[in-house]
Amino acid sequence: MHAFDILGDPVRRRILELLADGEAAAGEVADVIRAEFGISQPAVSQHLRVLREAGFTTVRAEGTRRIYAVEAEALHEVDEWLTPFRGFWEPKLAALDTEIARGKRARRQQESS
């Protein structure tokens, strides 16, 4: 399955967002996803399984709990696909960074006057 097939599902994207903050137990993930999407615990487990089998997450046992974490290597395919498109936004982000720095400098100069 292609990375974008996996990431095309909003539930799986949200799970990865949750795990981007660090490891989480399957039950913790399920609680958030059930509250936000109104799906059953078995449905959340299915999404976790798809992510695990596609290599987007890892899982380890800790007693009776299953601890999930993002597997960053799987996101490499997405990063590679985006490479040709970076030219569209990188100059704009650099210009924004310059303007933010100018604004900060101007505020400091006003405060010291």
N, C-alpha and C. Protein backbone atom coordinates (compact mmCIF):
# COMPACT_ATOMS: atom_id res chain seq x y z
N MET A 1 0.85 -1.18 0.00
CA MET A 1 0.00 0.00 0.00
C MET A 1 0.90 1.24 0.00
N HIS A 2 0.57 2.21 -0.80
CA HIS A 2 1.34 3.45 -0.91
C HIS A 2 1.12 4.31 0.34
N ALA A 3 2.13 5.08 0.69
CA ALA A 3 2.06 5.91 1.89
C ALA A 3 0.84 6.83 1.88
N PHE A 4 0.50 7.38 0.73
CA PHE A 4 -0.63 8.29 0.68
C PHE A 4 -1.96 7.56 0.82
N ASP A 5 -2.00 6.28 0.50
CA ASP A 5 -3.21 5.49 0.77
C ASP A 5 -3.42 5.38 2.28
N ILE A 6 -2.32 5.20 2.99
CA ILE A 6 -2.39 5.11 4.46
C ILE A 6 -2.77 6.47 5.04
N LEU A 7 -2.08 7.52 4.60
CA LEU A 7 -2.28 8.86 5.16
C LEU A 7 -3.55 9.54 4.66
N GLY A 8 -4.19 8.96 3.68
CA GLY A 8 -5.43 9.53 3.15
C GLY A 8 -6.60 9.44 4.12
N ASP A 9 -6.48 8.60 5.10
CA ASP A 9 -7.55 8.44 6.08
C ASP A 9 -7.35 9.39 7.25
N PRO A 10 -8.35 10.23 7.56
CA PRO A 10 -8.18 11.22 8.64
C PRO A 10 -7.95 10.59 10.01
N VAL A 11 -8.49 9.42 10.25
CA VAL A 11 -8.28 8.76 11.55
C VAL A 11 -6.80 8.37 11.68
N ARG A 12 -6.25 7.79 10.63
CA ARG A 12 -4.84 7.38 10.70
C ARG A 12 -3.91 8.59 10.79
N ARG A 13 -4.24 9.66 10.09
CA ARG A 13 -3.43 10.89 10.22
C ARG A 13 -3.48 11.40 11.65
N ARG A 14 -4.64 11.38 12.26
CA ARG A 14 -4.78 11.87 13.63
C ARG A 14 -4.00 10.98 14.60
N ILE A 15 -4.03 9.68 14.38
CA ILE A 15 -3.25 8.78 15.24
C ILE A 15 -1.77 9.14 15.14
N LEU A 16 -1.28 9.37 13.93
CA LEU A 16 0.13 9.74 13.78
C LEU A 16 0.42 11.08 14.45
N GLU A 17 -0.52 12.01 14.37
CA GLU A 17 -0.33 13.29 15.07
C GLU A 17 -0.20 13.08 16.58
N LEU A 18 -1.04 12.22 17.12
CA LEU A 18 -0.97 11.93 18.55
C LEU A 18 0.37 11.30 18.91
N LEU A 19 0.82 10.38 18.09
CA LEU A 19 2.07 9.68 18.37
C LEU A 19 3.30 10.54 18.08
N ALA A 20 3.13 11.61 17.32
CA ALA A 20 4.26 12.51 17.06
C ALA A 20 4.73 13.18 18.35
N ASP A 21 3.85 13.27 19.33
CA ASP A 21 4.21 13.85 20.63
C ASP A 21 4.97 12.86 21.50
N GLY A 22 5.02 11.60 21.11
CA GLY A 22 5.71 10.57 21.87
C GLY A 22 4.89 9.30 21.93
N GLU A 23 5.47 8.29 22.52
CA GLU A 23 4.79 7.00 22.63
C GLU A 23 3.47 7.14 23.37
N ALA A 24 2.55 6.24 23.03
CA ALA A 24 1.26 6.22 23.73
C ALA A 24 0.73 4.80 23.71
N ALA A 25 0.03 4.47 24.76
CA ALA A 25 -0.62 3.16 24.85
C ALA A 25 -1.81 3.12 23.90
N ALA A 26 -2.08 1.94 23.39
CA ALA A 26 -3.20 1.77 22.46
C ALA A 26 -4.50 2.28 23.07
N GLY A 27 -4.71 2.03 24.36
CA GLY A 27 -5.93 2.49 25.02
C GLY A 27 -6.04 4.00 25.07
N GLU A 28 -4.91 4.69 25.28
CA GLU A 28 -4.91 6.15 25.29
C GLU A 28 -5.26 6.70 23.91
N VAL A 29 -4.66 6.10 22.89
CA VAL A 29 -4.95 6.51 21.52
C VAL A 29 -6.42 6.26 21.21
N ALA A 30 -6.90 5.09 21.59
CA ALA A 30 -8.30 4.74 21.32
C ALA A 30 -9.26 5.71 22.00
N ASP A 31 -8.96 6.11 23.22
CA ASP A 31 -9.84 7.04 23.92
C ASP A 31 -9.98 8.36 23.16
N VAL A 32 -8.85 8.90 22.70
CA VAL A 32 -8.88 10.18 21.97
C VAL A 32 -9.61 10.02 20.64
N ILE A 33 -9.27 8.98 19.91
CA ILE A 33 -9.87 8.78 18.58
C ILE A 33 -11.36 8.50 18.70
N ARG A 34 -11.75 7.70 19.67
CA ARG A 34 -13.19 7.42 19.86
C ARG A 34 -13.94 8.70 20.17
N ALA A 35 -13.36 9.57 20.99
CA ALA A 35 -14.03 10.82 21.35
C ALA A 35 -14.11 11.77 20.16
N GLU A 36 -13.06 11.82 19.36
CA GLU A 36 -13.02 12.77 18.25
C GLU A 36 -13.79 12.29 17.02
N PHE A 37 -13.77 10.99 16.76
CA PHE A 37 -14.36 10.46 15.53
C PHE A 37 -15.61 9.62 15.76
N GLY A 38 -15.88 9.27 17.01
CA GLY A 38 -17.08 8.49 17.30
C GLY A 38 -17.04 7.08 16.74
N ILE A 39 -15.86 6.49 16.67
CA ILE A 39 -15.76 5.11 16.17
C ILE A 39 -15.47 4.17 17.34
N SER A 40 -15.68 2.90 17.11
CA SER A 40 -15.51 1.90 18.17
C SER A 40 -14.04 1.60 18.44
N GLN A 41 -13.79 1.00 19.59
CA GLN A 41 -12.43 0.59 19.94
C GLN A 41 -11.88 -0.41 18.93
N PRO A 42 -12.67 -1.41 18.48
CA PRO A 42 -12.15 -2.32 17.47
C PRO A 42 -11.78 -1.61 16.16
N ALA A 43 -12.51 -0.57 15.81
CA ALA A 43 -12.17 0.19 14.60
C ALA A 43 -10.85 0.92 14.78
N VAL A 44 -10.62 1.48 15.97
CA VAL A 44 -9.34 2.14 16.25
C VAL A 44 -8.22 1.11 16.18
N SER A 45 -8.44 -0.06 16.74
CA SER A 45 -7.44 -1.12 16.69
C SER A 45 -7.10 -1.50 15.26
N GLN A 46 -8.10 -1.52 14.41
CA GLN A 46 -7.88 -1.82 12.99
C GLN A 46 -6.99 -0.75 12.35
N HIS A 47 -7.24 0.51 12.65
CA HIS A 47 -6.40 1.59 12.11
C HIS A 47 -4.96 1.47 12.64
N LEU A 48 -4.81 1.13 13.91
CA LEU A 48 -3.47 0.93 14.46
C LEU A 48 -2.77 -0.23 13.77
N ARG A 49 -3.50 -1.26 13.47
CA ARG A 49 -2.93 -2.42 12.77
C ARG A 49 -2.46 -2.03 11.38
N VAL A 50 -3.28 -1.27 10.66
CA VAL A 50 -2.90 -0.83 9.31
C VAL A 50 -1.63 0.00 9.37
N LEU A 51 -1.56 0.92 10.33
CA LEU A 51 -0.36 1.75 10.48
C LEU A 51 0.86 0.90 10.81
N ARG A 52 0.68 -0.07 11.68
CA ARG A 52 1.79 -0.95 12.07
C ARG A 52 2.26 -1.80 10.89
N GLU A 53 1.32 -2.42 10.19
CA GLU A 53 1.68 -3.29 9.07
C GLU A 53 2.30 -2.52 7.91
N ALA A 54 1.93 -1.25 7.76
CA ALA A 54 2.51 -0.42 6.69
C ALA A 54 3.84 0.19 7.11
N GLY A 55 4.24 -0.03 8.36
CA GLY A 55 5.52 0.47 8.82
C GLY A 55 5.52 1.88 9.35
N PHE A 56 4.35 2.47 9.56
CA PHE A 56 4.27 3.84 10.08
C PHE A 56 4.39 3.91 11.59
N THR A 57 4.13 2.79 12.26
CA THR A 57 4.27 2.75 13.71
C THR A 57 4.99 1.48 14.12
N THR A 58 5.51 1.54 15.32
CA THR A 58 6.05 0.34 15.96
C THR A 58 5.21 0.11 17.20
N VAL A 59 5.24 -1.11 17.69
CA VAL A 59 4.50 -1.44 18.91
C VAL A 59 5.37 -2.33 19.76
N ARG A 60 5.29 -2.11 21.05
CA ARG A 60 6.00 -2.97 21.99
C ARG A 60 5.06 -3.26 23.16
N ALA A 61 5.25 -4.43 23.73
CA ALA A 61 4.44 -4.83 24.87
C ALA A 61 5.06 -4.29 26.15
N GLU A 62 4.19 -3.78 26.99
CA GLU A 62 4.60 -3.35 28.34
C GLU A 62 3.55 -3.91 29.29
N GLY A 63 3.83 -5.11 29.79
CA GLY A 63 2.80 -5.81 30.56
C GLY A 63 1.66 -6.18 29.62
N THR A 64 0.45 -5.77 29.99
CA THR A 64 -0.71 -6.05 29.14
C THR A 64 -0.98 -4.92 28.15
N ARG A 65 -0.23 -3.86 28.28
CA ARG A 65 -0.45 -2.70 27.38
C ARG A 65 0.40 -2.82 26.12
N ARG A 66 -0.08 -2.22 25.04
CA ARG A 66 0.65 -2.13 23.79
C ARG A 66 0.99 -0.67 23.59
N ILE A 67 2.30 -0.39 23.51
CA ILE A 67 2.78 0.99 23.38
C ILE A 67 3.16 1.23 21.94
N TYR A 68 2.55 2.24 21.34
CA TYR A 68 2.80 2.59 19.94
C TYR A 68 3.69 3.82 19.85
N ALA A 69 4.47 3.86 18.77
CA ALA A 69 5.34 5.00 18.48
C ALA A 69 5.40 5.18 16.96
N VAL A 70 5.67 6.40 16.52
CA VAL A 70 5.83 6.68 15.09
C VAL A 70 7.14 6.06 14.63
N GLU A 71 7.10 5.47 13.45
CA GLU A 71 8.31 4.97 12.79
C GLU A 71 8.63 5.98 11.68
N ALA A 72 9.57 6.85 11.95
CA ALA A 72 9.87 7.97 11.06
C ALA A 72 10.32 7.53 9.67
N GLU A 73 10.94 6.39 9.56
CA GLU A 73 11.45 5.93 8.26
C GLU A 73 10.33 5.82 7.23
N ALA A 74 9.15 5.41 7.67
CA ALA A 74 8.03 5.27 6.73
C ALA A 74 7.63 6.61 6.14
N LEU A 75 7.87 7.68 6.86
CA LEU A 75 7.53 9.02 6.35
C LEU A 75 8.53 9.50 5.31
N HIS A 76 9.62 8.78 5.16
CA HIS A 76 10.63 9.15 4.17
C HIS A 76 10.04 9.13 2.76
N GLU A 77 9.19 8.17 2.45
CA GLU A 77 8.55 8.08 1.14
C GLU A 77 7.73 9.34 0.86
N VAL A 78 7.02 9.82 1.86
CA VAL A 78 6.22 11.03 1.72
C VAL A 78 7.15 12.23 1.50
N ASP A 79 8.22 12.30 2.28
CA ASP A 79 9.18 13.39 2.16
C ASP A 79 9.79 13.42 0.75
N GLU A 80 10.16 12.26 0.24
CA GLU A 80 10.72 12.19 -1.11
C GLU A 80 9.72 12.67 -2.15
N TRP A 81 8.47 12.29 -2.01
CA TRP A 81 7.45 12.69 -2.97
C TRP A 81 7.26 14.20 -2.96
N LEU A 82 7.40 14.82 -1.79
CA LEU A 82 7.21 16.27 -1.66
C LEU A 82 8.38 17.09 -2.19
N THR A 83 9.54 16.47 -2.35
CA THR A 83 10.75 17.20 -2.74
C THR A 83 10.55 18.13 -3.94
N PRO A 84 9.96 17.69 -5.04
CA PRO A 84 9.81 18.60 -6.18
C PRO A 84 8.90 19.80 -5.92
N PHE A 85 8.08 19.70 -4.88
CA PHE A 85 7.11 20.75 -4.59
C PHE A 85 7.62 21.78 -3.59
N ARG A 86 8.73 21.50 -2.95
CA ARG A 86 9.27 22.40 -1.93
C ARG A 86 9.56 23.78 -2.48
N GLY A 87 9.92 23.85 -3.74
CA GLY A 87 10.22 25.14 -4.36
C GLY A 87 9.03 26.09 -4.36
N PHE A 88 7.83 25.56 -4.23
CA PHE A 88 6.65 26.41 -4.21
C PHE A 88 6.53 27.19 -2.91
N TRP A 89 6.93 26.57 -1.79
CA TRP A 89 6.71 27.25 -0.52
C TRP A 89 7.99 27.68 0.20
N GLU A 90 9.13 27.09 -0.08
CA GLU A 90 10.33 27.45 0.67
C GLU A 90 10.72 28.92 0.52
N PRO A 91 10.67 29.51 -0.69
CA PRO A 91 10.99 30.94 -0.78
C PRO A 91 10.01 31.82 0.01
N LYS A 92 8.75 31.42 0.02
CA LYS A 92 7.75 32.19 0.77
C LYS A 92 7.99 32.08 2.27
N LEU A 93 8.37 30.90 2.72
CA LEU A 93 8.67 30.73 4.14
C LEU A 93 9.92 31.50 4.53
N ALA A 94 10.91 31.53 3.65
CA ALA A 94 12.12 32.30 3.92
C ALA A 94 11.79 33.78 4.00
N ALA A 95 10.94 34.27 3.09
CA ALA A 95 10.53 35.68 3.11
C ALA A 95 9.76 35.99 4.39
N LEU A 96 8.89 35.09 4.81
CA LEU A 96 8.14 35.28 6.05
C LEU A 96 9.09 35.34 7.24
N ASP A 97 10.07 34.47 7.27
CA ASP A 97 11.06 34.47 8.34
C ASP A 97 11.79 35.81 8.40
N THR A 98 12.14 36.34 7.24
CA THR A 98 12.81 37.65 7.17
C THR A 98 11.92 38.74 7.72
N GLU A 99 10.64 38.73 7.36
CA GLU A 99 9.72 39.76 7.83
C GLU A 99 9.49 39.66 9.34
N ILE A 100 9.43 38.46 9.85
CA ILE A 100 9.28 38.28 11.30
C ILE A 100 10.49 38.85 12.02
N ALA A 101 11.69 38.56 11.50
CA ALA A 101 12.91 39.07 12.12
C ALA A 101 12.93 40.60 12.07
N ARG A 102 12.50 41.18 10.96
CA ARG A 102 12.45 42.65 10.85
C ARG A 102 11.49 43.24 11.87
N GLY A 103 10.32 42.60 12.02
CA GLY A 103 9.34 43.08 12.98
C GLY A 103 9.86 43.02 14.41
N LYS A 104 10.54 41.94 14.74
CA LYS A 104 11.12 41.82 16.08
C LYS A 104 12.18 42.88 16.31
N ARG A 105 13.01 43.10 15.30
CA ARG A 105 14.06 44.12 15.41
C ARG A 105 13.44 45.51 15.59
N ALA A 106 12.39 45.80 14.84
CA ALA A 106 11.73 47.10 14.92
C ALA A 106 11.11 47.31 16.31
N ARG A 107 10.49 46.25 16.88
CA ARG A 107 9.91 46.36 18.22
C ARG A 107 10.99 46.59 19.26
N ARG A 108 12.11 45.90 19.15
CA ARG A 108 13.20 46.11 20.11
C ARG A 108 13.72 47.55 20.01
N GLN A 109 13.82 48.07 18.81
CA GLN A 109 14.31 49.45 18.63
C GLN A 109 13.32 50.44 19.23
N GLN A 110 12.02 50.20 19.07
CA GLN A 110 11.01 51.09 19.65
C GLN A 110 11.05 51.03 21.17
N GLU A 111 11.23 49.83 21.72
CA GLU A 111 11.26 49.69 23.17
C GLU A 111 12.48 50.34 23.78
N SER A 112 13.59 50.36 23.08
CA SER A 112 14.81 50.95 23.63
C SER A 112 14.86 52.46 23.42
N SER A 113 13.95 53.00 22.63
CA SER A 113 13.94 54.45 22.38
C SER A 113 13.24 55.21 23.48
